[in-house]
């Protein structure tokens, strides 16, 4: 029998950690040997996370520091905590998938401007591989340090990649994104409190969103030129999901054919015939894309939907893990959403 990949999950109690564990509990080739959490150390996963009680992970111990040997670490931690944990794990010979933003950007100065802290390991930024498989699959396969993309950038970059690759992007692209509340994390905040969030929606971080340099950096890498993103995120009263609408001013072309050809072989990207609903992707790793060309305004419009905790975080992390260790890319990843 093939030996299971032994993994450790750091930060199991946040939304990305919870979703990661839920999916890993069904992965035939992975053994979660331990979780690491200061808040829940001394408990087992089934005690700390009740919805895992009936899964094979129920008896997995939660420790303050990792003790058992393992092959790969998932970091579902705040940015600053991941920043410090990654060098220790790499020096111990572990492969790392970091779901925070601590290693996504290549320019260390961007961290002070957009994240509010100084990056103390700039040499590792050069080593980190940006884990968007549809763009960088071969690099992902050889990665030791994998920077899992942000949720907004995943939906946005998958919607812009075919245009960027063909040199069809202008100097500026307008992006409007809607996201469920789980994108803000599990720590309680007043404006996400149920009485204030219900029947409410609002834009935020309009002037200086931390995902902008991430998106612009990848577009430059793909297209070879500077592309500015005018990004406006809006939170809506739903638990999860992202819908991004992209506006690209360009001359007429067969946009649908371009997208179909670009993503023809991709297992998790579907080009659809009508504007997709977020509900169609909840609990999955799919990205559904609806491209069309508005001849009246000479604008290419692309609508892209993902689950922010799925393709936008934990499911994509498992897709990356599968590629890094040589498993089938789709192994253990749910393909059908719950409905209704």
C-alpha atoms as a PDB file:
ATOM      1  CA  UNK A   1       0.000   0.000   0.000  1.00  0.00           C
ATOM      2  CA  UNK A   2       1.282   3.480  -0.890  1.00  0.00           C
ATOM      3  CA  UNK A   3       2.523   5.374   2.142  1.00  0.00           C
ATOM      4  CA  UNK A   4       0.347   8.365   3.042  1.00  0.00           C
ATOM      5  CA  UNK A   5       1.705  11.887   2.923  1.00  0.00           C
ATOM      6  CA  UNK A   6       2.057  13.053   6.532  1.00  0.00           C
ATOM      7  CA  UNK A   7       0.919  16.644   7.026  1.00  0.00           C
ATOM      8  CA  UNK A   8       0.608  19.126   9.876  1.00  0.00           C
ATOM      9  CA  UNK A   9      -1.947  21.940   9.906  1.00  0.00           C
ATOM     10  CA  UNK A  10      -0.961  25.143  11.721  1.00  0.00           C
ATOM     11  CA  UNK A  11      -3.969  27.237  12.737  1.00  0.00           C
ATOM     12  CA  UNK A  12      -6.834  24.722  12.507  1.00  0.00           C
ATOM     13  CA  UNK A  13      -9.577  26.905  14.012  1.00  0.00           C
ATOM     14  CA  UNK A  14      -9.831  29.730  11.457  1.00  0.00           C
ATOM     15  CA  UNK A  15     -12.090  29.442   8.436  1.00  0.00           C
ATOM     16  CA  UNK A  16      -9.310  28.361   6.060  1.00  0.00           C
ATOM     17  CA  UNK A  17      -8.022  25.809   8.579  1.00  0.00           C
ATOM     18  CA  UNK A  18     -11.505  24.424   9.178  1.00  0.00           C
ATOM     19  CA  UNK A  19     -12.200  24.058   5.453  1.00  0.00           C
ATOM     20  CA  UNK A  20      -8.779  22.541   4.844  1.00  0.00           C
ATOM     21  CA  UNK A  21      -9.316  19.886   7.505  1.00  0.00           C
ATOM     22  CA  UNK A  22     -12.808  19.103   6.230  1.00  0.00           C
ATOM     23  CA  UNK A  23     -11.457  18.300   2.776  1.00  0.00           C
ATOM     24  CA  UNK A  24      -8.292  16.550   4.001  1.00  0.00           C
ATOM     25  CA  UNK A  25     -10.483  14.217   6.084  1.00  0.00           C
ATOM     26  CA  UNK A  26     -11.645  12.710   2.761  1.00  0.00           C
ATOM     27  CA  UNK A  27      -8.258  12.610   1.025  1.00  0.00           C
ATOM     28  CA  UNK A  28      -7.208   8.974   0.529  1.00  0.00           C
ATOM     29  CA  UNK A  29      -3.478   9.679   0.319  1.00  0.00           C
ATOM     30  CA  UNK A  30      -2.997  12.108   3.216  1.00  0.00           C
ATOM     31  CA  UNK A  31      -2.621  11.546   6.949  1.00  0.00           C
ATOM     32  CA  UNK A  32      -3.024  14.574   9.196  1.00  0.00           C
ATOM     33  CA  UNK A  33      -0.679  13.627  12.037  1.00  0.00           C
ATOM     34  CA  UNK A  34      -1.204  16.725  14.187  1.00  0.00           C
ATOM     35  CA  UNK A  35      -2.564  20.230  14.303  1.00  0.00           C
ATOM     36  CA  UNK A  36      -0.741  23.154  15.915  1.00  0.00           C
ATOM     37  CA  UNK A  37      -2.607  25.837  17.874  1.00  0.00           C
ATOM     38  CA  UNK A  38      -1.788  27.793  21.003  1.00  0.00           C
ATOM     39  CA  UNK A  39      -5.470  28.286  21.798  1.00  0.00           C
ATOM     40  CA  UNK A  40      -6.506  24.618  21.619  1.00  0.00           C
ATOM     41  CA  UNK A  41      -3.304  22.802  22.601  1.00  0.00           C
ATOM     42  CA  UNK A  42      -4.006  19.657  24.616  1.00  0.00           C
ATOM     43  CA  UNK A  43      -7.307  18.895  22.897  1.00  0.00           C
ATOM     44  CA  UNK A  44      -8.121  16.656  19.963  1.00  0.00           C
ATOM     45  CA  UNK A  45      -9.615  17.945  16.741  1.00  0.00           C
ATOM     46  CA  UNK A  46     -12.997  16.347  17.432  1.00  0.00           C
ATOM     47  CA  UNK A  47     -13.218  18.268  20.728  1.00  0.00           C
ATOM     48  CA  UNK A  48     -12.109  21.643  19.405  1.00  0.00           C
ATOM     49  CA  UNK A  49     -13.944  21.380  16.071  1.00  0.00           C
ATOM     50  CA  UNK A  50     -17.236  19.526  16.642  1.00  0.00           C
ATOM     51  CA  UNK A  51     -18.084  19.036  12.961  1.00  0.00           C
ATOM     52  CA  UNK A  52     -14.975  16.812  12.651  1.00  0.00           C
ATOM     53  CA  UNK A  53     -16.226  14.401  15.336  1.00  0.00           C
ATOM     54  CA  UNK A  54     -17.432  11.815  12.832  1.00  0.00           C
ATOM     55  CA  UNK A  55     -14.355  11.958  10.598  1.00  0.00           C
ATOM     56  CA  UNK A  56     -11.003  10.117  10.681  1.00  0.00           C
ATOM     57  CA  UNK A  57      -9.465  13.337  12.065  1.00  0.00           C
ATOM     58  CA  UNK A  58     -11.454  13.291  15.302  1.00  0.00           C
ATOM     59  CA  UNK A  59      -8.595  11.894  17.419  1.00  0.00           C
ATOM     60  CA  UNK A  60      -5.779  13.921  15.865  1.00  0.00           C
ATOM     61  CA  UNK A  61      -3.941  15.807  18.648  1.00  0.00           C
ATOM     62  CA  UNK A  62      -3.642  19.574  18.789  1.00  0.00           C
ATOM     63  CA  UNK A  63      -0.245  20.660  20.080  1.00  0.00           C
ATOM     64  CA  UNK A  64       1.381  23.943  20.998  1.00  0.00           C
ATOM     65  CA  UNK A  65       4.417  23.002  18.899  1.00  0.00           C
ATOM     66  CA  UNK A  66       4.778  20.196  16.326  1.00  0.00           C
ATOM     67  CA  UNK A  67       6.169  16.965  17.738  1.00  0.00           C
ATOM     68  CA  UNK A  68       5.576  14.129  15.273  1.00  0.00           C
ATOM     69  CA  UNK A  69       7.586  13.868  12.091  1.00  0.00           C
ATOM     70  CA  UNK A  70       5.781  15.030   8.955  1.00  0.00           C
ATOM     71  CA  UNK A  71       6.386  15.818   5.293  1.00  0.00           C
ATOM     72  CA  UNK A  72       4.430  18.982   4.582  1.00  0.00           C
ATOM     73  CA  UNK A  73       2.966  21.867   6.575  1.00  0.00           C
ATOM     74  CA  UNK A  74      -0.125  23.935   5.814  1.00  0.00           C
ATOM     75  CA  UNK A  75       0.014  27.360   7.459  1.00  0.00           C
ATOM     76  CA  UNK A  76      -3.454  28.805   8.117  1.00  0.00           C
ATOM     77  CA  UNK A  77      -2.044  31.573  10.282  1.00  0.00           C
ATOM     78  CA  UNK A  78      -2.058  35.374  10.427  1.00  0.00           C
ATOM     79  CA  UNK A  79       0.493  36.965   8.095  1.00  0.00           C
ATOM     80  CA  UNK A  80       3.011  37.881  10.793  1.00  0.00           C
ATOM     81  CA  UNK A  81       2.877  34.409  12.374  1.00  0.00           C
ATOM     82  CA  UNK A  82       3.479  32.709   9.014  1.00  0.00           C
ATOM     83  CA  UNK A  83       6.342  35.105   8.336  1.00  0.00           C
ATOM     84  CA  UNK A  84       8.251  33.684  11.319  1.00  0.00           C
ATOM     85  CA  UNK A  85       7.147  30.050  10.998  1.00  0.00           C
ATOM     86  CA  UNK A  86       8.188  29.498   7.390  1.00  0.00           C
ATOM     87  CA  UNK A  87      12.008  29.796   7.857  1.00  0.00           C
ATOM     88  CA  UNK A  88      11.929  27.332  10.755  1.00  0.00           C
ATOM     89  CA  UNK A  89      10.002  24.761   8.754  1.00  0.00           C
ATOM     90  CA  UNK A  90      12.175  25.125   5.667  1.00  0.00           C
ATOM     91  CA  UNK A  91      15.344  24.753   7.713  1.00  0.00           C
ATOM     92  CA  UNK A  92      13.891  21.519   9.125  1.00  0.00           C
ATOM     93  CA  UNK A  93      13.470  20.200   5.587  1.00  0.00           C
ATOM     94  CA  UNK A  94       9.676  20.500   5.400  1.00  0.00           C
ATOM     95  CA  UNK A  95       7.679  21.561   2.373  1.00  0.00           C
ATOM     96  CA  UNK A  96       5.370  24.455   3.166  1.00  0.00           C
ATOM     97  CA  UNK A  97       2.072  25.726   1.787  1.00  0.00           C
ATOM     98  CA  UNK A  98       1.362  29.143   3.287  1.00  0.00           C
ATOM     99  CA  UNK A  99      -2.238  30.341   3.045  1.00  0.00           C
ATOM    100  CA  UNK A 100      -1.405  33.793   4.428  1.00  0.00           C
ATOM    101  CA  UNK A 101      -0.066  36.710   2.420  1.00  0.00           C
ATOM    102  CA  UNK A 102       3.388  36.635   4.032  1.00  0.00           C
ATOM    103  CA  UNK A 103       5.233  35.340   0.949  1.00  0.00           C
ATOM    104  CA  UNK A 104       3.003  36.301  -2.002  1.00  0.00           C
ATOM    105  CA  UNK A 105       4.706  39.569  -2.946  1.00  0.00           C
ATOM    106  CA  UNK A 106       8.195  39.829  -4.443  1.00  0.00           C
ATOM    107  CA  UNK A 107       9.001  43.391  -3.361  1.00  0.00           C
ATOM    108  CA  UNK A 108       9.698  43.521   0.422  1.00  0.00           C
ATOM    109  CA  UNK A 109       8.754  47.211   0.566  1.00  0.00           C
ATOM    110  CA  UNK A 110       5.172  46.349  -0.411  1.00  0.00           C
ATOM    111  CA  UNK A 111       4.674  44.690   2.964  1.00  0.00           C
ATOM    112  CA  UNK A 112       5.107  47.919   4.878  1.00  0.00           C
ATOM    113  CA  UNK A 113       2.851  49.783   2.451  1.00  0.00           C
ATOM    114  CA  UNK A 114       0.040  47.226   2.245  1.00  0.00           C
ATOM    115  CA  UNK A 115       0.354  44.873   5.248  1.00  0.00           C
ATOM    116  CA  UNK A 116       1.770  47.166   7.895  1.00  0.00           C
ATOM    117  CA  UNK A 117       4.853  45.147   8.823  1.00  0.00           C
ATOM    118  CA  UNK A 118       8.464  44.909   7.695  1.00  0.00           C
ATOM    119  CA  UNK A 119       9.399  41.700   5.856  1.00  0.00           C
ATOM    120  CA  UNK A 120      12.465  40.243   7.534  1.00  0.00           C
ATOM    121  CA  UNK A 121      13.136  37.351   5.114  1.00  0.00           C
ATOM    122  CA  UNK A 122      13.407  38.977   1.661  1.00  0.00           C
ATOM    123  CA  UNK A 123      15.586  36.129   0.395  1.00  0.00           C
ATOM    124  CA  UNK A 124      12.664  33.730   0.832  1.00  0.00           C
ATOM    125  CA  UNK A 125      10.393  35.936  -1.275  1.00  0.00           C
ATOM    126  CA  UNK A 126      12.592  35.009  -4.241  1.00  0.00           C
ATOM    127  CA  UNK A 127      12.239  31.311  -3.428  1.00  0.00           C
ATOM    128  CA  UNK A 128       8.458  31.296  -2.894  1.00  0.00           C
ATOM    129  CA  UNK A 129       6.324  29.991  -5.772  1.00  0.00           C
ATOM    130  CA  UNK A 130       2.969  31.685  -6.363  1.00  0.00           C
ATOM    131  CA  UNK A 131       0.489  28.836  -6.262  1.00  0.00           C
ATOM    132  CA  UNK A 132      -2.007  29.539  -9.028  1.00  0.00           C
ATOM    133  CA  UNK A 133      -1.739  26.172 -10.836  1.00  0.00           C
ATOM    134  CA  UNK A 134      -3.432  27.267 -14.065  1.00  0.00           C
ATOM    135  CA  UNK A 135      -0.665  29.845 -14.575  1.00  0.00           C
ATOM    136  CA  UNK A 136       2.365  28.275 -12.872  1.00  0.00           C
ATOM    137  CA  UNK A 137       1.764  24.513 -12.780  1.00  0.00           C
ATOM    138  CA  UNK A 138       5.350  23.457 -13.521  1.00  0.00           C
ATOM    139  CA  UNK A 139       6.786  25.814 -10.907  1.00  0.00           C
ATOM    140  CA  UNK A 140       4.276  24.521  -8.344  1.00  0.00           C
ATOM    141  CA  UNK A 141       5.460  20.958  -8.917  1.00  0.00           C
ATOM    142  CA  UNK A 142       8.972  21.811  -7.765  1.00  0.00           C
ATOM    143  CA  UNK A 143       8.080  24.186  -4.935  1.00  0.00           C
ATOM    144  CA  UNK A 144       9.460  23.906  -1.419  1.00  0.00           C
ATOM    145  CA  UNK A 145       7.691  27.102  -0.303  1.00  0.00           C
ATOM    146  CA  UNK A 146       4.282  27.624  -1.890  1.00  0.00           C
ATOM    147  CA  UNK A 147       2.511  30.964  -1.446  1.00  0.00           C
ATOM    148  CA  UNK A 148      -1.174  30.143  -1.831  1.00  0.00           C
ATOM    149  CA  UNK A 149      -2.927  33.022  -3.657  1.00  0.00           C
ATOM    150  CA  UNK A 150      -5.440  35.369  -2.114  1.00  0.00           C
ATOM    151  CA  UNK A 151      -9.132  34.813  -2.822  1.00  0.00           C
ATOM    152  CA  UNK A 152      -9.782  38.043  -4.746  1.00  0.00           C
ATOM    153  CA  UNK A 153      -6.587  37.626  -6.819  1.00  0.00           C
ATOM    154  CA  UNK A 154      -7.519  34.039  -7.715  1.00  0.00           C
ATOM    155  CA  UNK A 155     -10.880  35.035  -9.188  1.00  0.00           C
ATOM    156  CA  UNK A 156      -9.425  38.164 -10.811  1.00  0.00           C
ATOM    157  CA  UNK A 157      -6.279  36.643 -12.307  1.00  0.00           C
ATOM    158  CA  UNK A 158      -8.123  33.642 -13.751  1.00  0.00           C
ATOM    159  CA  UNK A 159     -10.496  36.126 -15.394  1.00  0.00           C
ATOM    160  CA  UNK A 160      -7.661  38.228 -16.827  1.00  0.00           C
ATOM    161  CA  UNK A 161      -5.037  35.607 -17.683  1.00  0.00           C
ATOM    162  CA  UNK A 162      -6.253  34.777 -21.215  1.00  0.00           C
ATOM    163  CA  UNK A 163      -6.279  38.489 -22.077  1.00  0.00           C
ATOM    164  CA  UNK A 164      -2.876  39.099 -20.478  1.00  0.00           C
ATOM    165  CA  UNK A 165      -1.306  36.157 -22.278  1.00  0.00           C
ATOM    166  CA  UNK A 166      -2.533  37.502 -25.645  1.00  0.00           C
ATOM    167  CA  UNK A 167      -1.360  41.063 -24.952  1.00  0.00           C
ATOM    168  CA  UNK A 168      -4.919  42.404 -24.884  1.00  0.00           C
ATOM    169  CA  UNK A 169      -4.814  44.235 -21.561  1.00  0.00           C
ATOM    170  CA  UNK A 170      -4.689  48.038 -21.569  1.00  0.00           C
ATOM    171  CA  UNK A 171      -2.715  50.045 -19.014  1.00  0.00           C
ATOM    172  CA  UNK A 172      -5.650  49.985 -16.553  1.00  0.00           C
ATOM    173  CA  UNK A 173      -8.255  47.365 -15.668  1.00  0.00           C
ATOM    174  CA  UNK A 174     -11.304  48.016 -13.493  1.00  0.00           C
ATOM    175  CA  UNK A 175     -12.259  45.283 -11.029  1.00  0.00           C
ATOM    176  CA  UNK A 176     -15.369  45.207  -8.856  1.00  0.00           C
ATOM    177  CA  UNK A 177     -15.615  42.288  -6.442  1.00  0.00           C
ATOM    178  CA  UNK A 178     -18.311  40.984  -4.104  1.00  0.00           C
ATOM    179  CA  UNK A 179     -17.366  38.709  -1.210  1.00  0.00           C
ATOM    180  CA  UNK A 180     -19.054  36.819   1.595  1.00  0.00           C
ATOM    181  CA  UNK A 181     -18.242  37.712   5.197  1.00  0.00           C
ATOM    182  CA  UNK A 182     -15.945  34.727   5.834  1.00  0.00           C
ATOM    183  CA  UNK A 183     -13.326  36.517   3.747  1.00  0.00           C
ATOM    184  CA  UNK A 184     -12.791  38.811   6.742  1.00  0.00           C
ATOM    185  CA  UNK A 185     -11.759  35.890   8.953  1.00  0.00           C
ATOM    186  CA  UNK A 186     -13.258  34.376  12.107  1.00  0.00           C
ATOM    187  CA  UNK A 187     -12.217  37.002  14.647  1.00  0.00           C
ATOM    188  CA  UNK A 188     -15.363  38.974  15.615  1.00  0.00           C
ATOM    189  CA  UNK A 189     -15.626  42.536  14.292  1.00  0.00           C
ATOM    190  CA  UNK A 190     -18.479  44.928  15.022  1.00  0.00           C
ATOM    191  CA  UNK A 191     -19.461  45.739  11.430  1.00  0.00           C
ATOM    192  CA  UNK A 192     -19.666  42.006  10.631  1.00  0.00           C
ATOM    193  CA  UNK A 193     -21.852  41.362  13.689  1.00  0.00           C
ATOM    194  CA  UNK A 194     -25.157  39.785  12.526  1.00  0.00           C
ATOM    195  CA  UNK A 195     -27.493  42.717  13.391  1.00  0.00           C
ATOM    196  CA  UNK A 196     -25.207  45.111  11.494  1.00  0.00           C
ATOM    197  CA  UNK A 197     -24.315  42.871   8.539  1.00  0.00           C
ATOM    198  CA  UNK A 198     -27.765  41.427   7.819  1.00  0.00           C
ATOM    199  CA  UNK A 199     -29.473  43.216   4.877  1.00  0.00           C
ATOM    200  CA  UNK A 200     -26.377  45.370   4.515  1.00  0.00           C
ATOM    201  CA  UNK A 201     -23.426  45.548   2.121  1.00  0.00           C
ATOM    202  CA  UNK A 202     -20.563  47.978   1.781  1.00  0.00           C
ATOM    203  CA  UNK A 203     -17.280  48.689   0.030  1.00  0.00           C
ATOM    204  CA  UNK A 204     -14.064  48.673   2.034  1.00  0.00           C
ATOM    205  CA  UNK A 205     -10.297  49.255   1.591  1.00  0.00           C
ATOM    206  CA  UNK A 206     -11.187  51.190  -1.545  1.00  0.00           C
ATOM    207  CA  UNK A 207      -8.028  53.311  -1.612  1.00  0.00           C
ATOM    208  CA  UNK A 208      -5.299  50.842  -0.597  1.00  0.00           C
ATOM    209  CA  UNK A 209      -6.265  47.163  -0.721  1.00  0.00           C
ATOM    210  CA  UNK A 210      -3.463  44.683   0.039  1.00  0.00           C
ATOM    211  CA  UNK A 211      -4.386  42.408  -2.872  1.00  0.00           C
ATOM    212  CA  UNK A 212      -3.616  45.092  -5.486  1.00  0.00           C
ATOM    213  CA  UNK A 213       0.195  44.585  -5.599  1.00  0.00           C
ATOM    214  CA  UNK A 214      -0.367  40.825  -5.666  1.00  0.00           C
ATOM    215  CA  UNK A 215      -2.570  41.071  -8.764  1.00  0.00           C
ATOM    216  CA  UNK A 216      -0.421  43.673 -10.495  1.00  0.00           C
ATOM    217  CA  UNK A 217       2.762  41.694  -9.847  1.00  0.00           C
ATOM    218  CA  UNK A 218       1.387  38.511 -11.402  1.00  0.00           C
ATOM    219  CA  UNK A 219      -0.072  40.358 -14.401  1.00  0.00           C
ATOM    220  CA  UNK A 220       3.342  41.917 -15.039  1.00  0.00           C
ATOM    221  CA  UNK A 221       4.966  38.484 -14.843  1.00  0.00           C
ATOM    222  CA  UNK A 222       2.446  37.025 -17.294  1.00  0.00           C
ATOM    223  CA  UNK A 223       2.180  39.918 -19.758  1.00  0.00           C
ATOM    224  CA  UNK A 224       5.630  41.470 -19.448  1.00  0.00           C
ATOM    225  CA  UNK A 225       4.250  44.951 -18.838  1.00  0.00           C
ATOM    226  CA  UNK A 226       2.739  47.142 -16.137  1.00  0.00           C
ATOM    227  CA  UNK A 227      -1.040  46.863 -15.733  1.00  0.00           C
ATOM    228  CA  UNK A 228      -2.769  48.964 -13.080  1.00  0.00           C
ATOM    229  CA  UNK A 229      -5.754  47.516 -11.223  1.00  0.00           C
ATOM    230  CA  UNK A 230      -8.591  49.813 -10.079  1.00  0.00           C
ATOM    231  CA  UNK A 231      -9.970  47.459  -7.443  1.00  0.00           C
ATOM    232  CA  UNK A 232     -13.123  47.957  -5.379  1.00  0.00           C
ATOM    233  CA  UNK A 233     -14.144  45.126  -3.004  1.00  0.00           C
ATOM    234  CA  UNK A 234     -17.613  44.941  -1.471  1.00  0.00           C
ATOM    235  CA  UNK A 235     -18.733  42.638   1.342  1.00  0.00           C
ATOM    236  CA  UNK A 236     -22.257  41.191   1.122  1.00  0.00           C
ATOM    237  CA  UNK A 237     -24.416  39.436   3.771  1.00  0.00           C
ATOM    238  CA  UNK A 238     -23.510  35.861   2.776  1.00  0.00           C
ATOM    239  CA  UNK A 239     -21.155  33.461   4.547  1.00  0.00           C
ATOM    240  CA  UNK A 240     -18.905  32.657   1.592  1.00  0.00           C
ATOM    241  CA  UNK A 241     -18.325  33.093  -2.130  1.00  0.00           C
ATOM    242  CA  UNK A 242     -16.793  35.686  -4.467  1.00  0.00           C
ATOM    243  CA  UNK A 243     -18.117  37.253  -7.660  1.00  0.00           C
ATOM    244  CA  UNK A 244     -15.704  39.444  -9.592  1.00  0.00           C
ATOM    245  CA  UNK A 245     -16.620  41.607 -12.588  1.00  0.00           C
ATOM    246  CA  UNK A 246     -13.735  42.767 -14.784  1.00  0.00           C
ATOM    247  CA  UNK A 247     -13.917  45.617 -17.299  1.00  0.00           C
ATOM    248  CA  UNK A 248     -11.268  45.772 -20.035  1.00  0.00           C
ATOM    249  CA  UNK A 249     -11.420  48.400 -22.790  1.00  0.00           C
ATOM    250  CA  UNK A 250     -10.137  46.791 -25.994  1.00  0.00           C
ATOM    251  CA  UNK A 251     -10.901  46.369 -29.679  1.00  0.00           C
ATOM    252  CA  UNK A 252     -13.448  43.698 -30.733  1.00  0.00           C
ATOM    253  CA  UNK A 253     -12.346  40.045 -30.760  1.00  0.00           C
ATOM    254  CA  UNK A 254     -13.817  36.570 -30.156  1.00  0.00           C
ATOM    255  CA  UNK A 255     -13.491  36.595 -26.386  1.00  0.00           C
ATOM    256  CA  UNK A 256     -15.381  33.381 -25.742  1.00  0.00           C
ATOM    257  CA  UNK A 257     -13.213  31.369 -28.116  1.00  0.00           C
ATOM    258  CA  UNK A 258     -10.086  32.732 -26.406  1.00  0.00           C
ATOM    259  CA  UNK A 259     -11.276  31.663 -22.956  1.00  0.00           C
ATOM    260  CA  UNK A 260     -12.485  28.247 -24.116  1.00  0.00           C
ATOM    261  CA  UNK A 261      -9.137  27.501 -25.761  1.00  0.00           C
ATOM    262  CA  UNK A 262      -7.092  28.798 -22.823  1.00  0.00           C
ATOM    263  CA  UNK A 263      -8.892  26.683 -20.227  1.00  0.00           C
ATOM    264  CA  UNK A 264      -9.869  23.657 -22.354  1.00  0.00           C
ATOM    265  CA  UNK A 265      -7.672  21.242 -20.365  1.00  0.00           C
ATOM    266  CA  UNK A 266      -8.128  22.769 -16.921  1.00  0.00           C
ATOM    267  CA  UNK A 267     -10.059  20.495 -14.533  1.00  0.00           C
ATOM    268  CA  UNK A 268     -11.330  23.276 -12.254  1.00  0.00           C
ATOM    269  CA  UNK A 269     -12.049  26.110 -14.720  1.00  0.00           C
ATOM    270  CA  UNK A 270     -15.344  26.148 -16.602  1.00  0.00           C
ATOM    271  CA  UNK A 271     -16.290  28.744 -19.232  1.00  0.00           C
ATOM    272  CA  UNK A 272     -20.071  29.096 -19.000  1.00  0.00           C
ATOM    273  CA  UNK A 273     -22.801  30.423 -21.311  1.00  0.00           C
ATOM    274  CA  UNK A 274     -24.582  32.712 -18.858  1.00  0.00           C
ATOM    275  CA  UNK A 275     -23.586  34.783 -15.827  1.00  0.00           C
ATOM    276  CA  UNK A 276     -22.734  32.237 -13.087  1.00  0.00           C
ATOM    277  CA  UNK A 277     -24.135  32.175  -9.579  1.00  0.00           C
ATOM    278  CA  UNK A 278     -21.888  31.884  -6.538  1.00  0.00           C
ATOM    279  CA  UNK A 279     -24.062  29.039  -5.274  1.00  0.00           C
ATOM    280  CA  UNK A 280     -22.837  26.908  -8.186  1.00  0.00           C
ATOM    281  CA  UNK A 281     -19.291  26.793  -6.754  1.00  0.00           C
ATOM    282  CA  UNK A 282     -19.803  26.761  -2.959  1.00  0.00           C
ATOM    283  CA  UNK A 283     -17.815  23.991  -1.292  1.00  0.00           C
ATOM    284  CA  UNK A 284     -15.791  23.306  -4.447  1.00  0.00           C
ATOM    285  CA  UNK A 285     -12.517  24.236  -6.136  1.00  0.00           C
ATOM    286  CA  UNK A 286     -14.221  25.422  -9.324  1.00  0.00           C
ATOM    287  CA  UNK A 287     -13.919  28.810 -10.977  1.00  0.00           C
ATOM    288  CA  UNK A 288     -16.759  29.591 -13.390  1.00  0.00           C
ATOM    289  CA  UNK A 289     -16.072  32.298 -15.957  1.00  0.00           C
ATOM    290  CA  UNK A 290     -18.500  34.141 -18.215  1.00  0.00           C
ATOM    291  CA  UNK A 291     -16.741  36.350 -20.806  1.00  0.00           C
ATOM    292  CA  UNK A 292     -18.499  38.591 -23.310  1.00  0.00           C
ATOM    293  CA  UNK A 293     -17.680  41.573 -25.480  1.00  0.00           C
ATOM    294  CA  UNK A 294     -19.849  44.697 -25.280  1.00  0.00           C
ATOM    295  CA  UNK A 295     -19.520  46.272 -28.745  1.00  0.00           C
ATOM    296  CA  UNK A 296     -21.482  49.379 -27.777  1.00  0.00           C
ATOM    297  CA  UNK A 297     -18.850  50.447 -25.216  1.00  0.00           C
ATOM    298  CA  UNK A 298     -15.904  48.508 -26.730  1.00  0.00           C
ATOM    299  CA  UNK A 299     -15.422  46.721 -23.421  1.00  0.00           C
ATOM    300  CA  UNK A 300     -14.542  43.117 -22.681  1.00  0.00           C
ATOM    301  CA  UNK A 301     -16.487  42.096 -19.572  1.00  0.00           C
ATOM    302  CA  UNK A 302     -15.525  38.989 -17.600  1.00  0.00           C
ATOM    303  CA  UNK A 303     -17.514  37.621 -14.663  1.00  0.00           C
ATOM    304  CA  UNK A 304     -15.681  35.124 -12.478  1.00  0.00           C
ATOM    305  CA  UNK A 305     -17.049  33.257  -9.437  1.00  0.00           C
ATOM    306  CA  UNK A 306     -15.303  31.097  -6.834  1.00  0.00           C
ATOM    307  CA  UNK A 307     -15.777  29.954  -3.275  1.00  0.00           C
ATOM    308  CA  UNK A 308     -13.377  32.157  -1.309  1.00  0.00           C
ATOM    309  CA  UNK A 309     -12.668  29.256   1.075  1.00  0.00           C
ATOM    310  CA  UNK A 310     -12.452  26.744  -1.797  1.00  0.00           C
ATOM    311  CA  UNK A 311     -10.595  27.828  -4.928  1.00  0.00           C
ATOM    312  CA  UNK A 312      -9.800  31.043  -3.059  1.00  0.00           C
ATOM    313  CA  UNK A 313      -7.963  29.275  -0.233  1.00  0.00           C
ATOM    314  CA  UNK A 314      -8.120  25.720   1.145  1.00  0.00           C
ATOM    315  CA  UNK A 315      -9.153  23.636  -1.877  1.00  0.00           C
ATOM    316  CA  UNK A 316      -6.569  25.396  -4.023  1.00  0.00           C
ATOM    317  CA  UNK A 317      -3.988  24.634  -1.320  1.00  0.00           C
ATOM    318  CA  UNK A 318      -4.825  20.930  -1.668  1.00  0.00           C
ATOM    319  CA  UNK A 319      -4.648  21.192  -5.468  1.00  0.00           C
ATOM    320  CA  UNK A 320      -1.164  22.656  -5.010  1.00  0.00           C
ATOM    321  CA  UNK A 321      -0.215  19.928  -2.542  1.00  0.00           C
ATOM    322  CA  UNK A 322      -1.280  17.265  -5.037  1.00  0.00           C
ATOM    323  CA  UNK A 323       0.960  18.806  -7.694  1.00  0.00           C
ATOM    324  CA  UNK A 324       3.905  19.274  -5.329  1.00  0.00           C
ATOM    325  CA  UNK A 325       4.022  15.627  -4.258  1.00  0.00           C
ATOM    326  CA  UNK A 326       2.999  13.968  -7.529  1.00  0.00           C
ATOM    327  CA  UNK A 327      -0.601  13.000  -6.780  1.00  0.00           C
ATOM    328  CA  UNK A 328      -3.358  13.307  -9.369  1.00  0.00           C
ATOM    329  CA  UNK A 329      -4.176  17.022  -9.392  1.00  0.00           C
ATOM    330  CA  UNK A 330      -7.856  16.468  -8.604  1.00  0.00           C
ATOM    331  CA  UNK A 331      -7.294  13.865  -5.873  1.00  0.00           C
ATOM    332  CA  UNK A 332      -9.494  14.348  -2.803  1.00  0.00           C
ATOM    333  CA  UNK A 333     -11.080  17.639  -3.925  1.00  0.00           C
ATOM    334  CA  UNK A 334     -14.912  17.891  -3.884  1.00  0.00           C
ATOM    335  CA  UNK A 335     -16.530  18.495  -7.265  1.00  0.00           C
ATOM    336  CA  UNK A 336     -20.237  18.933  -6.456  1.00  0.00           C
ATOM    337  CA  UNK A 337     -21.592  21.741  -4.265  1.00  0.00           C
ATOM    338  CA  UNK A 338     -24.390  21.185  -1.752  1.00  0.00           C
ATOM    339  CA  UNK A 339     -27.785  22.399  -2.959  1.00  0.00           C
ATOM    340  CA  UNK A 340     -29.869  24.207  -1.862  1.00  0.00           C
END
